[in-house]
Amino acid sequence: QVQLVESGGGLVQAGGSLRLSCAASGGTFRTYRMGWFRQAPGKEREFVAAVSWWTGSSTGYADSVKGRFIISRDNAKNTAYLQMNSLKPEDTAVYYCAAGLPGTSGNYYDTGRYDYWGQGTQVTVSS
């Protein structure tokens, strides 16, 4: 069983930065595709960013965060990161990290591609 714990959320002014971390335990971290999703009040959970397994050489981003957010992974620390720069009020949401097992099919931006989810961390951007 894989457990994911997010941290690093908080309150920041528009234009500021935050770095989210997702610590994984159980299983073999380097074999998981890792993703970040977010959910604002009254809205559906939406894709933010994803990074491929092993070296993390392949990444994908939602258009709304492209050029501002950077996803990365450190297999030695069993941790995925989301560096968020130039934050906007519309980035306010609960951010979730997710792990996708090698055998799970689907597109990297679909929630169904991921098998394990963290509890979420709140990010609030004030204007």
Foldseek 3Di string as FASTA:
>chain_A
DKAKAKDWADEEAAQAKIKMKIAIDDDQLQQWKKFKWWDDPPGDIWGAKIFHHHQSPDMDGDPVQPPFWDWDDDRVRNMIMIIGGRDDQVVWTWMKMFIAHPVADDDPGDPSRGDDIYPTDTHGYHD
